[in-house]
Amino acid sequence: MSLLIYGLINSIILALYTVGFSLTYGISGLANFAHGALYILSGYTAWSFLNILGLPFWASAPLAVIATALVGFLFYWVLLLRLRGIALAELIVTFAAGVAILELLTWKGFYGIRYSLPLFLRGGVEIGNVAVDYQRLFVVATGILLVILLWLFVHHTKIGLAFRAMAQNERTALSIGIESDWIGSLSLALGSALAAIAAMVVLPLGVMESTIGYEVLIYALAVAIVGGLESTLGMIAGSFIIGYGQILAARYIGAKWMVIVPLAAIVLVLIVRPSGLFGKFKELEERV
C-alpha cells in the first residue's frame, strides 16, 4: 500500500515538473532548457513577496506565477526571436539562461534552511495504515485538476485552439492568420507559469536550493523523452513509469538510486525507441 500511495504521489510530482516543458515543446517545438531554473526562480520570488514585502502566501503564490510567466514571455522576445527554427541555438540559449539564473541565485546567497515556503495544508491522514500528510494529497489534487483545466483550455478557448492548430500544422496555421511568434511567446509564458504552479505546491515539502533547478530539468527531460516529447498521454505515462520506478528502486536497492532511474530511462528509451512510447516521430530504422 505504501508503494502504491507514494508511487502515485511521486508520479504526480514528476508530471507537474514536466507538463510546462512538454506543453511548450508540443506547441512551438521549443525545448526550454531554462525550465528548471524558472521553477526554482518562482519559489524564490514567492519567498521574497512573503518575507520581504510582507504579503500573505495566498497573494504571494499567484503573483510569483504571474511574474514567472512574464519572464518566460520576455525570454521569447528578447532571447529567442532571432533564433527561431535553429534548434541547437534555441537549446544553447535557454540552457545558458537557466544556468545564469541558478548561478545568480547561488551567488546572492539563496540557500539554507530559512528559504522555504509554507504548507497549504497542515496535518495528515492514514490511508490503508499508511500515513500521508495533507500537503502531498494537495499536490495530487492539484496535478489532476491542472490536467483537466489544460484539456478544457486547449479544446474550448480561442488561444487554446490556436495552440492546437500551430502544434498540428504550422504552415496551415500561418495561412489562416495565426501569428507564430505570438503563439510561441504565449506557449513559453504558459509553460513557465505551469512550472511556477508546480513550484508553489511542491516546494513547501522541503527546503529551496538553486540546485533543485537542475534536478527538475533532468526529471522533466526524462519523463518527456520516455513518453514522447510531443505527447500529453506519453507525458502522463512517462511520469508514472519513472515515478514508480524511483519508489521501487528506493525500497529494494537504496534511496541513492532514485536519481539513477530517470537517467537510465533516458538511455534505454533512446536506444530502443527514440521517439518515446507515444511519440509520433519516425523510428530510427525508418529514417535510415
Protein backbone atom coordinates (compact mmCIF):
# COMPACT_ATOMS: atom_id res chain seq x y z
CA MET A 1 0.00 0.00 0.00
CA SER A 2 2.83 2.42 0.80
CA LEU A 3 4.44 1.70 -2.58
CA LEU A 4 1.12 2.35 -4.31
CA ILE A 5 0.40 5.62 -2.49
CA TYR A 6 3.87 7.15 -2.54
CA GLY A 7 4.44 5.94 -6.09
CA LEU A 8 1.29 7.83 -7.10
CA ILE A 9 2.42 10.98 -5.27
CA ASN A 10 5.90 10.82 -6.81
CA SER A 11 4.41 10.29 -10.27
CA ILE A 12 2.11 13.31 -9.92
CA ILE A 13 5.06 15.44 -8.80
CA LEU A 14 7.03 14.38 -11.89
CA ALA A 15 4.02 15.17 -14.08
CA LEU A 16 3.85 18.65 -12.54
CA TYR A 17 7.56 19.11 -13.26
CA THR A 18 7.05 18.11 -16.88
CA VAL A 19 3.72 19.50 -18.02
CA GLY A 20 5.01 23.01 -18.74
CA PHE A 21 8.10 21.74 -20.57
CA SER A 22 6.05 19.29 -22.63
CA LEU A 23 3.35 21.85 -23.49
CA THR A 24 5.87 24.44 -24.73
CA TYR A 25 7.64 21.87 -26.89
CA GLY A 26 4.41 20.38 -28.20
CA ILE A 27 3.09 23.76 -29.35
CA SER A 28 6.16 25.63 -30.58
CA GLY A 29 8.81 22.93 -30.90
CA LEU A 30 10.94 24.80 -28.36
CA ALA A 31 12.84 22.72 -25.80
CA ASN A 32 13.04 25.20 -22.93
CA PHE A 33 16.16 24.16 -21.01
CA ALA A 34 15.60 27.05 -18.59
CA HIS A 35 12.52 25.23 -17.29
CA GLY A 36 14.13 24.07 -14.05
CA ALA A 37 15.62 27.50 -13.40
CA LEU A 38 12.21 29.14 -13.84
CA TYR A 39 10.76 26.57 -11.42
CA ILE A 40 13.12 27.49 -8.59
CA LEU A 41 13.09 31.20 -9.51
CA SER A 42 9.34 31.27 -8.95
CA GLY A 43 9.87 29.76 -5.49
CA TYR A 44 12.34 32.46 -4.50
CA THR A 45 10.04 35.10 -5.97
CA ALA A 46 7.16 33.86 -3.80
CA TRP A 47 9.50 33.77 -0.79
CA SER A 48 10.54 37.38 -1.46
CA PHE A 49 6.92 38.55 -1.71
CA LEU A 50 6.17 36.69 1.51
CA ASN A 51 9.17 37.68 3.65
CA ILE A 52 10.43 40.96 2.18
CA LEU A 53 7.21 42.63 1.08
CA GLY A 54 5.16 41.03 3.85
CA LEU A 55 2.40 39.71 1.58
CA PRO A 56 0.38 36.66 2.65
CA PHE A 57 1.16 33.41 0.87
CA TRP A 58 -2.25 33.30 -0.82
CA ALA A 59 -1.23 36.53 -2.60
CA SER A 60 2.50 35.76 -2.98
CA ALA A 61 1.95 32.48 -4.83
CA PRO A 62 -0.27 33.86 -7.66
CA LEU A 63 1.99 36.89 -8.05
CA ALA A 64 5.02 34.61 -8.37
CA VAL A 65 3.22 32.57 -11.05
CA ILE A 66 2.39 35.75 -13.00
CA ALA A 67 5.95 37.07 -12.65
CA THR A 68 7.40 33.77 -13.90
CA ALA A 69 5.01 33.75 -16.87
CA LEU A 70 6.20 37.27 -17.72
CA VAL A 71 9.83 36.12 -17.57
CA GLY A 72 9.03 33.29 -19.98
CA PHE A 73 7.22 35.72 -22.30
CA LEU A 74 10.24 38.07 -22.29
CA PHE A 75 12.59 35.13 -22.86
CA TYR A 76 10.99 34.60 -26.23
CA TRP A 77 11.03 38.20 -27.45
CA VAL A 78 14.46 39.09 -26.06
CA LEU A 79 16.47 35.88 -26.46
CA LEU A 80 14.72 33.56 -28.91
CA LEU A 81 13.01 35.69 -31.55
CA ARG A 82 16.01 35.83 -33.89
CA LEU A 83 16.89 32.18 -33.30
CA ARG A 84 13.54 30.56 -34.13
CA GLY A 85 13.96 27.50 -36.28
CA ILE A 86 17.59 26.90 -35.24
CA ALA A 87 17.02 24.12 -32.74
CA LEU A 88 20.58 23.87 -31.45
CA ALA A 89 20.83 27.63 -30.90
CA GLU A 90 17.50 27.66 -29.05
CA LEU A 91 18.67 24.84 -26.81
CA ILE A 92 22.01 26.54 -26.04
CA VAL A 93 20.44 29.93 -25.31
CA THR A 94 17.74 28.56 -22.99
CA PHE A 95 20.24 26.33 -21.18
CA ALA A 96 22.67 29.24 -20.76
CA ALA A 97 19.87 31.46 -19.45
CA GLY A 98 18.84 28.78 -16.98
CA VAL A 99 22.38 28.28 -15.70
CA ALA A 100 22.78 32.06 -15.36
CA ILE A 101 19.61 32.27 -13.24
CA LEU A 102 20.64 29.40 -10.97
CA GLU A 103 24.20 30.65 -10.51
CA LEU A 104 22.92 34.16 -9.79
CA LEU A 105 20.61 32.79 -7.10
CA THR A 106 23.52 30.89 -5.55
CA TRP A 107 25.78 33.96 -5.71
CA LYS A 108 23.12 36.06 -3.97
CA GLY A 109 23.06 33.54 -1.13
CA PHE A 110 19.65 31.98 -1.71
CA TYR A 111 20.32 28.71 0.05
CA GLY A 112 19.82 27.38 3.55
CA ILE A 113 17.02 26.26 5.82
CA ARG A 114 15.45 29.74 6.08
CA TYR A 115 14.37 29.61 2.44
CA SER A 116 11.17 27.59 2.43
CA LEU A 117 7.53 28.12 1.52
CA PRO A 118 4.67 27.48 3.96
CA LEU A 119 2.40 24.48 3.63
CA PHE A 120 -1.04 24.99 2.14
CA LEU A 121 -2.46 22.38 4.49
CA ARG A 122 -1.09 21.03 7.77
CA GLY A 123 -1.74 17.67 9.33
CA GLY A 124 -2.24 14.28 7.78
CA VAL A 125 -4.39 11.21 7.46
CA GLU A 126 -3.96 7.44 7.34
CA ILE A 127 -4.86 5.65 4.10
CA GLY A 128 -4.71 1.88 4.42
CA ASN A 129 -2.45 2.18 7.50
CA VAL A 130 -0.11 4.47 5.57
CA ALA A 131 0.40 7.97 6.97
CA VAL A 132 0.10 10.68 4.31
CA ASP A 133 0.28 14.41 5.00
CA TYR A 134 -2.37 16.73 3.57
CA GLN A 135 0.18 18.71 1.54
CA ARG A 136 1.04 15.67 -0.57
CA LEU A 137 -2.65 14.95 -1.09
CA PHE A 138 -2.98 18.59 -2.16
CA VAL A 139 -0.19 18.01 -4.69
CA VAL A 140 -2.09 15.04 -6.14
CA ALA A 141 -5.33 17.03 -6.35
CA THR A 142 -3.52 19.96 -7.99
CA GLY A 143 -1.95 17.69 -10.61
CA ILE A 144 -5.27 16.09 -11.54
CA LEU A 145 -7.10 19.44 -11.62
CA LEU A 146 -4.34 21.01 -13.73
CA VAL A 147 -4.59 18.30 -16.39
CA ILE A 148 -8.38 18.75 -16.58
CA LEU A 149 -8.15 22.55 -16.81
CA LEU A 150 -5.48 22.36 -19.51
CA TRP A 151 -7.62 19.99 -21.57
CA LEU A 152 -10.57 22.39 -21.31
CA PHE A 153 -8.29 25.33 -22.16
CA VAL A 154 -6.84 23.85 -25.35
CA HIS A 155 -10.20 22.50 -26.56
CA HIS A 156 -12.61 25.29 -25.66
CA THR A 157 -10.76 28.65 -25.88
CA LYS A 158 -9.57 30.62 -28.90
CA ILE A 159 -5.98 30.73 -27.70
CA GLY A 160 -6.08 27.02 -26.89
CA LEU A 161 -7.42 26.19 -30.34
CA ALA A 162 -4.68 28.36 -31.88
CA PHE A 163 -2.15 26.37 -29.84
CA ARG A 164 -3.55 23.12 -31.23
CA ALA A 165 -3.54 24.45 -34.77
CA MET A 166 0.11 25.52 -34.50
CA ALA A 167 1.07 22.17 -32.98
CA GLN A 168 -0.72 20.17 -35.70
CA ASN A 169 0.45 22.09 -38.78
CA GLU A 170 2.37 25.35 -38.56
CA ARG A 171 2.09 26.18 -42.29
CA THR A 172 -1.70 25.81 -42.29
CA ALA A 173 -1.96 27.83 -39.06
CA LEU A 174 0.08 30.64 -40.64
CA SER A 175 -2.12 30.59 -43.74
CA ILE A 176 -5.25 31.33 -41.68
CA GLY A 177 -3.67 34.25 -39.86
CA ILE A 178 -2.28 32.70 -36.67
CA GLU A 179 0.90 34.57 -35.74
CA SER A 180 3.62 32.04 -34.93
CA ASP A 181 5.75 34.38 -32.82
CA TRP A 182 2.85 35.33 -30.57
CA ILE A 183 1.86 31.69 -30.18
CA GLY A 184 5.47 30.80 -29.42
CA SER A 185 5.80 33.52 -26.77
CA LEU A 186 2.45 32.65 -25.20
CA SER A 187 3.33 28.94 -25.10
CA LEU A 188 6.61 29.76 -23.36
CA ALA A 189 4.77 32.03 -20.92
CA LEU A 190 2.20 29.32 -20.17
CA GLY A 191 4.90 26.67 -19.77
CA SER A 192 6.75 28.95 -17.35
CA ALA A 193 3.54 29.57 -15.40
CA LEU A 194 2.95 25.82 -15.13
CA ALA A 195 6.48 25.38 -13.78
CA ALA A 196 5.70 28.07 -11.19
CA ILE A 197 2.43 26.39 -10.18
CA ALA A 198 4.34 23.14 -9.66
CA ALA A 199 6.85 25.02 -7.51
CA MET A 200 4.15 26.59 -5.35
CA VAL A 201 2.70 23.20 -4.36
CA VAL A 202 5.84 21.02 -4.31
CA LEU A 203 8.48 23.31 -2.77
CA PRO A 204 6.66 23.56 0.60
CA LEU A 205 7.57 19.88 1.08
CA GLY A 206 11.24 20.80 1.59
CA VAL A 207 13.92 23.48 1.61
CA MET A 208 14.60 25.53 -1.53
CA GLU A 209 18.03 25.32 -3.17
CA SER A 210 19.13 26.50 -6.59
CA THR A 211 20.48 23.03 -7.43
CA ILE A 212 16.87 21.79 -7.43
CA GLY A 213 16.51 23.59 -10.76
CA TYR A 214 18.93 21.14 -12.39
CA GLU A 215 17.07 18.17 -10.90
CA VAL A 216 13.71 19.44 -12.16
CA LEU A 217 15.13 19.87 -15.68
CA ILE A 218 16.54 16.32 -15.65
CA TYR A 219 13.24 14.86 -14.43
CA ALA A 220 11.23 16.86 -17.00
CA LEU A 221 13.53 15.71 -19.81
CA ALA A 222 13.38 12.09 -18.66
CA VAL A 223 9.59 12.00 -18.45
CA ALA A 224 9.16 13.81 -21.78
CA ILE A 225 11.66 11.56 -23.59
CA VAL A 226 10.23 8.34 -22.15
CA GLY A 227 6.65 9.28 -23.03
CA GLY A 228 7.33 11.15 -26.26
CA LEU A 229 8.22 14.83 -26.42
CA GLU A 230 5.06 15.93 -28.18
CA SER A 231 2.55 13.62 -26.47
CA THR A 232 0.45 14.59 -23.44
CA LEU A 233 -0.61 10.97 -22.89
CA GLY A 234 3.04 9.98 -23.15
CA MET A 235 3.98 12.59 -20.58
CA ILE A 236 1.49 11.13 -18.10
CA ALA A 237 2.62 7.57 -18.83
CA GLY A 238 6.29 8.53 -18.54
CA SER A 239 5.73 10.21 -15.18
CA PHE A 240 4.12 7.06 -13.78
CA ILE A 241 6.81 4.77 -15.17
CA ILE A 242 9.65 6.82 -13.71
CA GLY A 243 7.72 7.73 -10.56
CA TYR A 244 7.01 4.16 -9.58
CA GLY A 245 10.46 3.09 -10.80
CA GLN A 246 12.06 5.52 -8.35
CA ILE A 247 9.97 4.32 -5.43
CA LEU A 248 10.74 0.67 -6.21
CA ALA A 249 14.45 1.46 -6.56
CA ALA A 250 14.46 3.31 -3.24
CA ARG A 251 12.64 0.47 -1.49
CA TYR A 252 14.59 -2.52 -2.82
CA ILE A 253 18.01 -1.12 -3.82
CA GLY A 254 18.60 2.15 -1.95
CA ALA A 255 17.46 5.77 -1.88
CA LYS A 256 20.58 6.96 -3.72
CA TRP A 257 19.42 5.01 -6.79
CA MET A 258 16.34 7.20 -7.22
CA VAL A 259 18.30 9.76 -9.27
CA ILE A 260 19.70 6.96 -11.48
CA VAL A 261 16.25 5.79 -12.61
CA PRO A 262 15.39 8.79 -14.86
CA LEU A 263 18.90 8.83 -16.38
CA ALA A 264 18.74 5.10 -17.10
CA ALA A 265 15.26 5.53 -18.57
CA ILE A 266 16.53 8.23 -20.96
CA VAL A 267 19.37 5.99 -22.23
CA LEU A 268 17.17 2.90 -22.56
CA VAL A 269 14.34 4.64 -24.41
CA LEU A 270 16.69 6.46 -26.80
CA ILE A 271 18.28 3.10 -27.67
CA VAL A 272 15.10 1.05 -28.02
CA ARG A 273 12.52 3.62 -29.20
CA PRO A 274 14.00 7.06 -29.93
CA SER A 275 10.61 8.72 -30.41
CA GLY A 276 9.36 7.66 -26.95
CA LEU A 277 6.50 5.38 -26.01
CA PHE A 278 3.81 7.60 -27.55
CA GLY A 279 5.99 9.71 -29.86
CA LYS A 280 4.87 10.47 -33.39
CA PHE A 281 8.31 10.88 -34.99
CA LYS A 282 9.57 8.15 -37.29
CA GLU A 283 11.62 5.41 -35.75
CA LEU A 284 15.37 5.35 -36.34
CA GLU A 285 15.22 2.36 -38.67
CA GLU A 286 12.63 4.17 -40.81
CA ARG A 287 14.83 7.25 -41.16
CA VAL A 288 17.97 5.38 -42.24
